[in-house]
């Protein structure tokens, strides 16, 4: 036993353990933050050793700086140190624990990297304080544009009270055309004060190559407040927006259609994922465009698709414009019928689209290659000419009055049953509304009225009540019953006039 301990002690003295030690400056970093790391090891060589980290590190971390130092130790050894500085790539990451394989120095591994990622706090905008009962503003998503680019324009009007005699100036753009995308109105509460907000979104197509300006907008209206006398007229206006036009790129292909966008994705596939094709049997080809910073009417379509041994016919097109996370997004779905004319292989040329990246300001190309399908002979036999009956005046049959009478009676019966079912449904809905109002509070808030409207589909009937609740005058249960359960077709109160009559 004594000899064993002496042998072990001699081995430790003759050959010290050359381990790789990794030290982090902090065990937790914020998403998108930086991390400093110290890697140490001992070697008998003074030159820099080979330091490697797995590929998984580069998926999450980016190396910013690297510094190597060597310190001479007694007995002919050298202490190697690396100062590494990393940055986390995903700034929008949620709270998670990052576990990565160890890095290696000359093939010797360090300990496994374990790092806690903490989600970055969301930046909250400061609370806006509106100084008057009426405020107006307009904006665009960007001010530096190319000719032919589409912009998202927003006009926002915030007001208190009940508007009367509203007047809004029209949209005027010099060097472009405007098209309405959406309109919406909603209420909100700010420090105990109820406000209404009307928002218009429009698409501006830049058509000039010299100057583009959005002229000021004007809005005025009388605002009625509960408990006040005659309504005063308020007015607001916006400033002019001048856009900066960027020059047309010189490296754009001559024969390609001009298509500027912030992002574009092209996809294509065979409908139903077939594994073969038949001669003269149609295959449906679906081509999908998704673009950001452009409108759907400007997206190109593949109209002149002519290939040897293939006949192509258009089937349908579907275009759509919408707003996603404050950006204008357009989509185009094109459906084509492809008829193979001969046996062999169906191999279409790649679908290619050139577009200009307005953010990076460079030319990009999207290209899609469809899978090759074998073409076989059609399973159908030769088509026969359809039979055509010979018309003759003497062979015209007399009208069947009994069958016509039966059809009329059946139609009348169906209409009567539908009307009866509708009356029964209205009566049941009325009883459910009465029961809900009876179980509810004596006075209803704006949020409770909104829930009532969504539950019983009473947008038009409850509009005056919503306006009163938004102005701070909470309606009672009796007033709600008189408004919603009235037997007359006309409403007791006048509806809210439009902001832009």
Protein backbone atom coordinates (compact mmCIF):
# COMPACT_ATOMS: atom_id res chain seq x y z
CA UNK A 1 0.00 0.00 0.00
CA UNK A 2 2.88 2.35 0.80
CA UNK A 3 4.48 1.66 -2.57
CA UNK A 4 1.19 2.53 -4.37
CA UNK A 5 0.97 6.00 -2.80
CA UNK A 6 4.61 6.69 -3.61
CA UNK A 7 4.05 5.72 -7.25
CA UNK A 8 0.97 7.94 -7.53
CA UNK A 9 2.80 10.89 -5.97
CA UNK A 10 5.64 10.46 -8.45
CA UNK A 11 3.30 10.45 -11.40
CA UNK A 12 1.64 13.69 -10.25
CA UNK A 13 5.04 15.38 -9.86
CA UNK A 14 6.42 14.16 -13.17
CA UNK A 15 3.35 14.97 -15.32
CA UNK A 16 0.96 17.61 -13.94
CA UNK A 17 -2.65 17.47 -15.15
CA UNK A 18 -3.07 19.65 -18.21
CA UNK A 19 -6.80 20.46 -17.77
CA UNK A 20 -8.77 23.13 -19.64
CA UNK A 21 -10.57 25.53 -17.33
CA UNK A 22 -13.32 27.89 -18.56
CA UNK A 23 -14.55 30.78 -16.38
CA UNK A 24 -17.51 33.10 -17.14
CA UNK A 25 -17.77 36.66 -15.84
CA UNK A 26 -21.50 36.10 -15.06
CA UNK A 27 -23.81 33.07 -15.16
CA UNK A 28 -26.77 35.01 -16.62
CA UNK A 29 -26.97 37.49 -19.50
CA UNK A 30 -29.76 39.42 -21.12
CA UNK A 31 -31.02 38.42 -24.56
CA UNK A 32 -28.75 40.10 -27.09
CA UNK A 33 -26.18 40.97 -24.39
CA UNK A 34 -22.43 40.33 -24.14
CA UNK A 35 -20.47 37.67 -22.26
CA UNK A 36 -16.77 37.60 -21.31
CA UNK A 37 -15.02 34.26 -20.96
CA UNK A 38 -11.55 33.20 -19.69
CA UNK A 39 -10.06 29.89 -20.95
CA UNK A 40 -6.89 28.58 -19.23
CA UNK A 41 -4.70 25.54 -19.74
CA UNK A 42 -1.06 24.43 -19.18
CA UNK A 43 1.27 23.09 -21.84
CA UNK A 44 4.94 22.45 -22.50
CA UNK A 45 4.81 24.47 -25.77
CA UNK A 46 5.09 28.27 -25.80
CA UNK A 47 3.30 28.79 -29.15
CA UNK A 48 -0.47 29.36 -29.23
CA UNK A 49 -2.50 26.18 -29.01
CA UNK A 50 -5.48 25.31 -31.22
CA UNK A 51 -8.70 26.62 -29.66
CA UNK A 52 -11.93 25.32 -31.18
CA UNK A 53 -15.62 25.52 -30.23
CA UNK A 54 -18.50 23.45 -31.66
CA UNK A 55 -20.77 24.65 -34.47
CA UNK A 56 -23.66 24.91 -32.00
CA UNK A 57 -21.93 27.90 -30.36
CA UNK A 58 -22.11 29.95 -33.56
CA UNK A 59 -25.87 29.40 -33.79
CA UNK A 60 -26.39 31.29 -30.52
CA UNK A 61 -23.21 33.34 -29.91
CA UNK A 62 -21.05 35.60 -32.06
CA UNK A 63 -17.35 36.12 -31.25
CA UNK A 64 -16.51 39.82 -30.90
CA UNK A 65 -12.88 39.75 -29.73
CA UNK A 66 -10.19 37.18 -28.89
CA UNK A 67 -6.91 37.82 -27.01
CA UNK A 68 -4.21 35.22 -26.21
CA UNK A 69 -1.56 35.47 -23.45
CA UNK A 70 1.27 33.10 -22.42
CA UNK A 71 2.97 32.98 -19.00
CA UNK A 72 6.16 30.97 -18.36
CA UNK A 73 6.04 28.64 -15.38
CA UNK A 74 8.79 26.70 -13.56
CA UNK A 75 9.95 23.30 -14.79
CA UNK A 76 9.48 24.21 -18.48
CA UNK A 77 5.68 24.68 -18.57
CA UNK A 78 3.64 27.54 -19.98
CA UNK A 79 0.22 28.87 -18.86
CA UNK A 80 -2.00 29.78 -21.82
CA UNK A 81 -4.93 32.20 -21.36
CA UNK A 82 -7.59 33.31 -23.86
CA UNK A 83 -9.83 36.31 -23.24
CA UNK A 84 -12.98 35.74 -25.33
CA UNK A 85 -15.85 38.19 -25.73
CA UNK A 86 -19.17 36.88 -27.09
CA UNK A 87 -22.53 38.44 -27.97
CA UNK A 88 -25.86 36.65 -27.89
CA UNK A 89 -27.49 36.72 -31.35
CA UNK A 90 -31.24 36.51 -30.54
CA UNK A 91 -32.21 39.81 -28.92
CA UNK A 92 -35.90 38.73 -28.83
CA UNK A 93 -35.28 35.44 -27.03
CA UNK A 94 -37.47 34.43 -24.12
CA UNK A 95 -36.21 33.21 -20.74
CA UNK A 96 -34.32 29.97 -21.31
CA UNK A 97 -31.28 27.93 -20.25
CA UNK A 98 -28.58 27.53 -22.91
CA UNK A 99 -26.60 24.28 -22.71
CA UNK A 100 -23.82 23.86 -25.31
CA UNK A 101 -21.06 21.25 -25.83
CA UNK A 102 -17.60 22.12 -24.44
CA UNK A 103 -14.89 23.88 -26.40
CA UNK A 104 -11.51 22.16 -26.88
CA UNK A 105 -7.85 23.15 -26.68
CA UNK A 106 -5.64 20.79 -28.70
CA UNK A 107 -8.44 18.20 -28.46
CA UNK A 108 -8.78 18.50 -24.67
CA UNK A 109 -12.35 19.52 -23.62
CA UNK A 110 -13.34 22.11 -21.05
CA UNK A 111 -16.50 21.89 -18.99
CA UNK A 112 -19.89 22.17 -20.66
CA UNK A 113 -21.20 25.71 -21.23
CA UNK A 114 -24.36 26.42 -19.24
CA UNK A 115 -25.79 29.92 -19.55
CA UNK A 116 -29.11 31.43 -18.44
CA UNK A 117 -30.70 33.76 -21.01
CA UNK A 118 -33.01 36.40 -19.59
CA UNK A 119 -35.58 38.04 -21.90
CA UNK A 120 -34.94 41.72 -22.53
CA UNK A 121 -37.57 44.02 -21.01
CA UNK A 122 -39.95 45.55 -23.53
CA UNK A 123 -39.59 49.26 -24.03
CA UNK A 124 -42.82 50.99 -23.06
CA UNK A 125 -43.70 54.28 -24.66
CA UNK A 126 -44.31 57.18 -22.29
CA UNK A 127 -47.94 58.04 -21.58
CA UNK A 128 -49.30 60.68 -23.95
CA UNK A 129 -51.18 63.53 -22.39
CA UNK A 130 -53.60 65.18 -24.78
CA UNK A 131 -53.83 68.89 -24.02
CA UNK A 132 -57.19 69.50 -25.78
CA UNK A 133 -60.34 67.46 -26.50
CA UNK A 134 -59.31 67.03 -30.16
CA UNK A 135 -55.95 65.90 -31.56
CA UNK A 136 -54.89 64.80 -35.03
CA UNK A 137 -51.72 63.28 -36.49
CA UNK A 138 -50.59 61.40 -39.59
CA UNK A 139 -47.48 59.40 -40.47
CA UNK A 140 -45.89 57.03 -42.98
CA UNK A 141 -43.80 53.93 -42.31
CA UNK A 142 -40.68 55.43 -44.02
CA UNK A 143 -39.66 58.68 -45.72
CA UNK A 144 -36.89 57.49 -48.10
CA UNK A 145 -38.55 55.69 -51.01
CA UNK A 146 -37.94 54.49 -54.56
CA UNK A 147 -40.25 55.24 -57.51
CA UNK A 148 -42.90 52.52 -57.72
CA UNK A 149 -42.72 51.69 -54.00
CA UNK A 150 -45.86 51.40 -51.82
CA UNK A 151 -46.12 53.15 -48.43
CA UNK A 152 -48.44 52.64 -45.47
CA UNK A 153 -50.10 55.92 -44.41
CA UNK A 154 -52.01 56.34 -41.12
CA UNK A 155 -54.29 59.19 -40.03
CA UNK A 156 -55.31 59.22 -36.34
CA UNK A 157 -57.95 61.50 -34.75
CA UNK A 158 -58.58 61.43 -30.98
CA UNK A 159 -61.50 63.29 -29.44
CA UNK A 160 -63.74 63.50 -26.38
CA UNK A 161 -67.49 63.82 -26.23
CA UNK A 162 -69.98 63.38 -29.05
CA UNK A 163 -69.00 64.81 -32.47
CA UNK A 164 -71.46 66.89 -34.48
CA UNK A 165 -70.97 68.37 -37.96
CA UNK A 166 -67.55 66.76 -38.55
CA UNK A 167 -65.50 67.98 -41.51
CA UNK A 168 -62.34 66.24 -42.78
CA UNK A 169 -60.22 67.42 -45.70
CA UNK A 170 -59.56 64.85 -48.45
CA UNK A 171 -56.30 62.98 -48.92
CA UNK A 172 -53.97 64.76 -51.36
CA UNK A 173 -50.62 63.40 -52.54
CA UNK A 174 -48.33 65.11 -55.02
CA UNK A 175 -46.36 62.58 -57.04
CA UNK A 176 -48.38 59.55 -55.97
CA UNK A 177 -51.81 57.94 -55.64
CA UNK A 178 -53.64 57.00 -52.43
CA UNK A 179 -56.03 54.08 -51.88
CA UNK A 180 -58.02 53.34 -48.70
CA UNK A 181 -57.02 50.14 -46.93
CA UNK A 182 -59.02 50.10 -43.67
CA UNK A 183 -60.96 52.23 -41.18
CA UNK A 184 -61.57 51.55 -37.50
CA UNK A 185 -62.77 53.32 -34.36
CA UNK A 186 -62.17 52.36 -30.74
CA UNK A 187 -62.39 53.83 -27.25
CA UNK A 188 -59.79 53.99 -24.49
CA UNK A 189 -59.42 55.45 -21.01
CA UNK A 190 -56.54 57.73 -20.03
CA UNK A 191 -56.26 58.68 -16.36
CA UNK A 192 -60.01 58.37 -15.88
CA UNK A 193 -60.92 60.30 -19.05
CA UNK A 194 -62.73 58.48 -21.87
CA UNK A 195 -61.49 59.07 -25.39
CA UNK A 196 -62.48 57.91 -28.86
CA UNK A 197 -59.88 57.21 -31.53
CA UNK A 198 -60.57 57.00 -35.27
CA UNK A 199 -57.82 55.53 -37.46
CA UNK A 200 -57.59 55.49 -41.25
CA UNK A 201 -54.99 53.43 -43.13
CA UNK A 202 -54.21 54.09 -46.78
CA UNK A 203 -51.74 52.81 -49.35
CA UNK A 204 -49.67 55.44 -51.18
CA UNK A 205 -48.20 54.39 -54.51
CA UNK A 206 -45.15 56.50 -55.42
CA UNK A 207 -45.38 57.32 -59.13
CA UNK A 208 -43.16 60.39 -59.55
CA UNK A 209 -39.40 60.44 -59.95
CA UNK A 210 -38.92 64.09 -58.94
CA UNK A 211 -40.92 65.09 -55.84
CA UNK A 212 -43.46 63.41 -53.54
CA UNK A 213 -45.37 65.28 -50.83
CA UNK A 214 -48.34 64.51 -48.60
CA UNK A 215 -50.30 67.72 -48.10
CA UNK A 216 -51.62 68.74 -44.64
CA UNK A 217 -54.98 67.41 -43.43
CA UNK A 218 -57.65 69.45 -41.60
CA UNK A 219 -60.45 68.29 -39.29
CA UNK A 220 -63.07 70.24 -37.33
CA UNK A 221 -66.18 69.23 -35.37
CA UNK A 222 -68.49 70.34 -32.61
CA UNK A 223 -68.05 68.24 -29.47
CA UNK A 224 -70.97 67.69 -27.07
CA UNK A 225 -70.13 66.93 -23.44
CA UNK A 226 -72.66 65.68 -20.85
CA UNK A 227 -73.83 68.43 -18.54
CA UNK A 228 -72.53 71.31 -20.67
CA UNK A 229 -74.33 73.90 -22.72
CA UNK A 230 -73.90 74.60 -26.41
CA UNK A 231 -71.17 72.58 -28.08
CA UNK A 232 -68.03 74.42 -29.13
CA UNK A 233 -66.27 73.79 -32.44
CA UNK A 234 -62.73 72.43 -32.27
CA UNK A 235 -60.27 72.03 -35.10
CA UNK A 236 -56.91 70.36 -35.67
CA UNK A 237 -54.46 70.04 -38.54
CA UNK A 238 -51.37 68.05 -39.50
CA UNK A 239 -48.10 69.16 -41.02
CA UNK A 240 -46.85 68.39 -44.51
CA UNK A 241 -44.83 65.20 -45.08
CA UNK A 242 -42.12 65.39 -47.72
CA UNK A 243 -40.60 62.15 -48.98
CA UNK A 244 -37.03 61.72 -50.20
CA UNK A 245 -36.80 59.94 -53.54
CA UNK A 246 -33.88 57.57 -54.03
CA UNK A 247 -32.28 57.17 -57.50
CA UNK A 248 -33.13 54.22 -59.70
CA UNK A 249 -30.41 51.53 -59.29
CA UNK A 250 -28.01 51.21 -62.20
CA UNK A 251 -27.46 47.45 -61.84
CA UNK A 252 -31.13 46.54 -62.33
CA UNK A 253 -31.67 44.04 -65.21
CA UNK A 254 -33.04 45.63 -68.37
CA UNK A 255 -35.76 43.08 -69.19
CA UNK A 256 -36.99 42.59 -65.60
CA UNK A 257 -40.06 44.35 -64.22
CA UNK A 258 -39.21 46.89 -61.50
CA UNK A 259 -40.24 45.52 -58.09
CA UNK A 260 -39.04 47.35 -54.93
CA UNK A 261 -39.93 45.79 -51.54
CA UNK A 262 -38.64 45.37 -48.01
CA UNK A 263 -38.93 41.58 -48.23
CA UNK A 264 -40.24 38.97 -50.68
CA UNK A 265 -40.82 35.22 -50.54
CA UNK A 266 -41.70 33.04 -53.55
CA UNK A 267 -43.11 29.51 -53.20
CA UNK A 268 -44.59 27.01 -55.68
CA UNK A 269 -45.90 23.46 -55.47
CA UNK A 270 -48.08 20.94 -57.28
CA UNK A 271 -51.56 20.73 -55.77
CA UNK A 272 -52.04 17.35 -54.11
CA UNK A 273 -48.32 16.42 -54.36
CA UNK A 274 -48.69 14.01 -57.31
CA UNK A 275 -45.96 11.46 -58.06
CA UNK A 276 -46.71 11.22 -61.78
CA UNK A 277 -48.54 12.96 -64.63
CA UNK A 278 -50.74 11.74 -67.50
CA UNK A 279 -50.88 13.00 -71.06
CA UNK A 280 -53.63 15.63 -71.55
CA UNK A 281 -54.57 15.35 -67.86
CA UNK A 282 -54.36 18.73 -66.03
CA UNK A 283 -52.09 19.34 -63.06
CA UNK A 284 -52.72 22.34 -60.80
CA UNK A 285 -49.66 24.49 -60.13
CA UNK A 286 -49.91 26.91 -57.16
CA UNK A 287 -47.54 29.91 -57.08
CA UNK A 288 -47.52 32.09 -53.94
CA UNK A 289 -45.98 35.56 -53.44
CA UNK A 290 -45.58 37.26 -50.06
CA UNK A 291 -44.08 40.75 -50.04
CA UNK A 292 -43.51 43.39 -47.35
CA UNK A 293 -43.52 47.07 -48.31
CA UNK A 294 -45.48 46.55 -51.51
CA UNK A 295 -49.14 46.22 -52.52
CA UNK A 296 -50.64 43.12 -54.09
CA UNK A 297 -51.60 44.74 -57.40
CA UNK A 298 -47.89 45.36 -58.15
CA UNK A 299 -46.80 41.73 -57.69
CA UNK A 300 -45.98 40.04 -61.02
CA UNK A 301 -47.85 37.06 -62.43
CA UNK A 302 -46.52 34.30 -64.67
CA UNK A 303 -48.67 34.88 -67.74
CA UNK A 304 -46.45 33.85 -70.67
CA UNK A 305 -45.51 30.34 -69.54
CA UNK A 306 -44.79 28.48 -72.80
CA UNK A 307 -42.76 25.28 -72.73
CA UNK A 308 -42.24 22.61 -75.42
CA UNK A 309 -44.58 19.67 -74.91
CA UNK A 310 -46.60 21.50 -72.22
CA UNK A 311 -49.78 23.60 -72.40
CA UNK A 312 -50.44 26.06 -69.56
CA UNK A 313 -53.75 27.80 -68.85
CA UNK A 314 -54.53 30.31 -66.06
CA UNK A 315 -57.08 29.12 -63.50
CA UNK A 316 -57.45 31.78 -60.76
CA UNK A 317 -55.71 34.69 -59.01
CA UNK A 318 -56.17 35.94 -55.47
CA UNK A 319 -54.63 39.19 -54.16
CA UNK A 320 -54.71 40.57 -50.63
CA UNK A 321 -53.34 43.62 -48.77
CA UNK A 322 -53.12 43.76 -44.97
CA UNK A 323 -51.11 45.29 -42.10
CA UNK A 324 -48.91 43.00 -39.99
CA UNK A 325 -47.02 44.48 -37.01
CA UNK A 326 -47.23 47.97 -38.51
CA UNK A 327 -45.93 46.93 -41.97
CA UNK A 328 -47.78 46.76 -45.27
CA UNK A 329 -47.90 43.13 -46.41
CA UNK A 330 -49.18 41.87 -49.77
CA UNK A 331 -49.89 38.34 -50.96
CA UNK A 332 -50.66 36.89 -54.38
CA UNK A 333 -51.78 33.33 -55.06
CA UNK A 334 -51.79 32.23 -58.71
CA UNK A 335 -53.22 28.91 -59.86
CA UNK A 336 -52.34 27.44 -63.26
CA UNK A 337 -53.42 24.30 -65.11
CA UNK A 338 -50.54 22.42 -66.73
CA UNK A 339 -51.33 19.87 -69.48
CA UNK A 340 -48.49 17.50 -70.53
CA UNK A 341 -48.68 16.84 -74.29
CA UNK A 342 -46.32 13.89 -74.61
CA UNK A 343 -44.89 11.00 -72.61
CA UNK A 344 -41.54 11.28 -70.89
CA UNK A 345 -40.66 13.76 -68.14
CA UNK A 346 -42.41 16.94 -67.01
CA UNK A 347 -39.54 19.26 -66.10
CA UNK A 348 -40.47 22.95 -65.99
CA UNK A 349 -37.83 25.69 -66.05
CA UNK A 350 -37.18 27.41 -62.71
CA UNK A 351 -39.52 30.23 -61.71
CA UNK A 352 -37.41 33.37 -61.19
CA UNK A 353 -38.30 36.83 -59.86
CA UNK A 354 -35.94 39.81 -59.49
CA UNK A 355 -36.70 42.34 -56.74
CA UNK A 356 -34.92 45.27 -55.13
CA UNK A 357 -34.29 45.15 -51.38
CA UNK A 358 -35.09 48.70 -50.22
CA UNK A 359 -33.54 48.11 -46.78
CA UNK A 360 -30.19 46.72 -47.93
CA UNK A 361 -30.43 48.63 -51.27
CA UNK A 362 -29.28 45.75 -53.41
CA UNK A 363 -30.61 43.39 -56.09
CA UNK A 364 -32.01 40.04 -54.97
CA UNK A 365 -33.40 37.09 -56.90
CA UNK A 366 -35.94 34.48 -55.80
CA UNK A 367 -35.82 31.18 -57.73
CA UNK A 368 -37.97 28.06 -57.32
CA UNK A 369 -37.39 24.68 -59.01
CA UNK A 370 -40.32 22.29 -59.21
CA UNK A 371 -39.82 18.52 -58.85
CA UNK A 372 -39.60 16.48 -62.06
CA UNK A 373 -42.63 14.23 -62.70
CA UNK A 374 -42.76 11.21 -65.03
CA UNK A 375 -45.44 11.51 -67.74
CA UNK A 376 -47.37 8.39 -68.75
CA UNK A 377 -50.05 7.70 -71.33
CA UNK A 378 -53.59 8.70 -70.41
CA UNK A 379 -55.82 5.98 -68.97
CA UNK A 380 -58.91 7.30 -70.78
CA UNK A 381 -59.92 5.99 -74.19
CA UNK A 382 -60.60 8.10 -77.26
CA UNK A 383 -63.35 10.61 -76.74
CA UNK A 384 -66.58 10.15 -78.74
CA UNK A 385 -68.57 12.97 -80.23
CA UNK A 386 -71.48 13.93 -77.98
CA UNK A 387 -75.00 12.95 -79.11
CA UNK A 388 -77.10 15.85 -80.38
CA UNK A 389 -80.85 15.44 -80.49
CA UNK A 390 -82.69 16.56 -83.64
CA UNK A 391 -85.05 19.41 -82.84
CA UNK A 392 -88.54 19.29 -84.31
CA UNK A 393 -91.49 21.57 -83.77
CA UNK A 394 -93.95 18.67 -83.96
CA UNK A 395 -92.10 16.74 -81.25
CA UNK A 396 -92.32 19.48 -78.56
CA UNK A 397 -94.02 17.98 -75.46
CA UNK A 398 -96.85 19.90 -73.77
CA UNK A 399 -96.08 21.70 -70.46
CA UNK A 400 -96.50 19.67 -67.25
CA UNK A 401 -98.77 21.95 -65.14
CA UNK A 402 -99.09 19.50 -62.27
CA UNK A 403 -95.34 19.36 -61.71
CA UNK A 404 -95.13 23.17 -61.81
CA UNK A 405 -97.89 23.44 -59.21
CA UNK A 406 -96.10 20.97 -56.92
CA UNK A 407 -92.90 23.01 -57.15
CA UNK A 408 -94.75 26.22 -56.27
CA UNK A 409 -96.43 24.64 -53.25
CA UNK A 410 -93.13 23.19 -52.02
CA UNK A 411 -91.42 26.57 -52.38
CA UNK A 412 -94.23 28.33 -50.47
CA UNK A 413 -93.99 25.73 -47.70
CA UNK A 414 -90.23 26.17 -47.38
CA UNK A 415 -90.56 29.97 -47.18
CA UNK A 416 -93.27 29.67 -44.49
CA UNK A 417 -91.13 27.28 -42.43
CA UNK A 418 -88.10 29.59 -42.70
CA UNK A 419 -90.18 32.63 -41.61
CA UNK A 420 -91.61 30.71 -38.64
CA UNK A 421 -88.17 29.51 -37.60
CA UNK A 422 -86.82 33.06 -37.82
CA UNK A 423 -89.64 34.41 -35.61
CA UNK A 424 -89.03 31.67 -33.05
CA UNK A 425 -85.29 32.43 -33.06
CA UNK A 426 -85.94 36.15 -32.55
CA UNK A 427 -88.31 35.43 -29.66
CA UNK A 428 -85.76 33.14 -27.97
CA UNK A 429 -82.98 35.71 -28.48
CA UNK A 430 -85.24 38.39 -26.95
CA UNK A 431 -85.92 36.19 -23.91
CA UNK A 432 -82.19 35.47 -23.47
CA UNK A 433 -81.45 39.22 -23.66
CA UNK A 434 -84.13 39.99 -21.07
CA UNK A 435 -82.73 37.36 -18.72
CA UNK A 436 -79.17 38.63 -19.19
CA UNK A 437 -80.22 42.24 -18.47
CA UNK A 438 -82.17 41.15 -15.39
CA UNK A 439 -79.15 39.30 -13.96
CA UNK A 440 -76.80 42.20 -14.77
CA UNK A 441 -75.99 45.33 -12.71
CA UNK A 442 -78.22 48.37 -12.35
CA UNK A 443 -75.76 50.62 -14.26
CA UNK A 444 -73.60 49.26 -17.08
CA UNK A 445 -70.01 50.33 -17.81
CA UNK A 446 -68.51 50.74 -21.28
CA UNK A 447 -66.66 47.38 -21.02
CA UNK A 448 -69.85 45.57 -19.95
CA UNK A 449 -71.77 47.10 -22.87
CA UNK A 450 -69.06 45.95 -25.30
CA UNK A 451 -69.35 42.39 -23.93
CA UNK A 452 -73.16 42.59 -24.30
CA UNK A 453 -72.84 43.79 -27.91
CA UNK A 454 -70.41 40.99 -28.85
CA UNK A 455 -72.55 38.33 -27.17
CA UNK A 456 -75.92 39.28 -28.73
CA UNK A 457 -74.70 40.94 -31.98
CA UNK A 458 -76.24 44.37 -31.27
CA UNK A 459 -73.73 46.71 -32.92
CA UNK A 460 -76.29 49.06 -34.51
CA UNK A 461 -78.91 49.08 -31.72
CA UNK A 462 -76.37 49.66 -28.92
CA UNK A 463 -74.30 52.34 -30.68
CA UNK A 464 -75.96 55.33 -28.82
CA UNK A 465 -75.50 53.53 -25.50
CA UNK A 466 -71.80 52.96 -26.24
CA UNK A 467 -71.33 56.63 -27.05
CA UNK A 468 -72.99 57.66 -23.76
CA UNK A 469 -70.86 55.20 -21.78
CA UNK A 470 -67.68 56.38 -23.53
CA UNK A 471 -68.56 59.99 -22.62
CA UNK A 472 -68.87 59.02 -18.93
CA UNK A 473 -72.68 58.79 -18.68
CA UNK A 474 -73.34 55.19 -17.68
CA UNK A 475 -76.78 53.93 -18.86
CA UNK A 476 -79.16 52.22 -16.47
CA UNK A 477 -80.83 48.85 -16.92
CA UNK A 478 -84.15 50.54 -17.74
CA UNK A 479 -82.60 52.70 -20.45
CA UNK A 480 -80.89 49.66 -21.98
CA UNK A 481 -84.18 47.74 -22.07
CA UNK A 482 -85.95 50.66 -23.73
CA UNK A 483 -83.21 50.92 -26.34
CA UNK A 484 -82.62 47.24 -27.14
CA UNK A 485 -86.07 45.73 -26.52
CA UNK A 486 -88.11 48.39 -28.31
CA UNK A 487 -90.73 46.98 -30.66
CA UNK A 488 -90.42 49.83 -33.14
CA UNK A 489 -87.96 49.55 -36.01
CA UNK A 490 -86.59 53.05 -35.45
CA UNK A 491 -84.13 53.80 -32.66
CA UNK A 492 -84.98 56.10 -29.72
CA UNK A 493 -81.77 58.10 -30.06
CA UNK A 494 -79.98 59.36 -33.14
CA UNK A 495 -77.00 57.31 -34.38
CA UNK A 496 -73.41 58.54 -34.26
CA UNK A 497 -72.65 60.59 -37.40
CA UNK A 498 -69.65 59.47 -39.44
CA UNK A 499 -66.38 61.32 -38.96
CA UNK A 500 -65.95 61.70 -42.71
CA UNK A 501 -69.45 62.25 -44.19
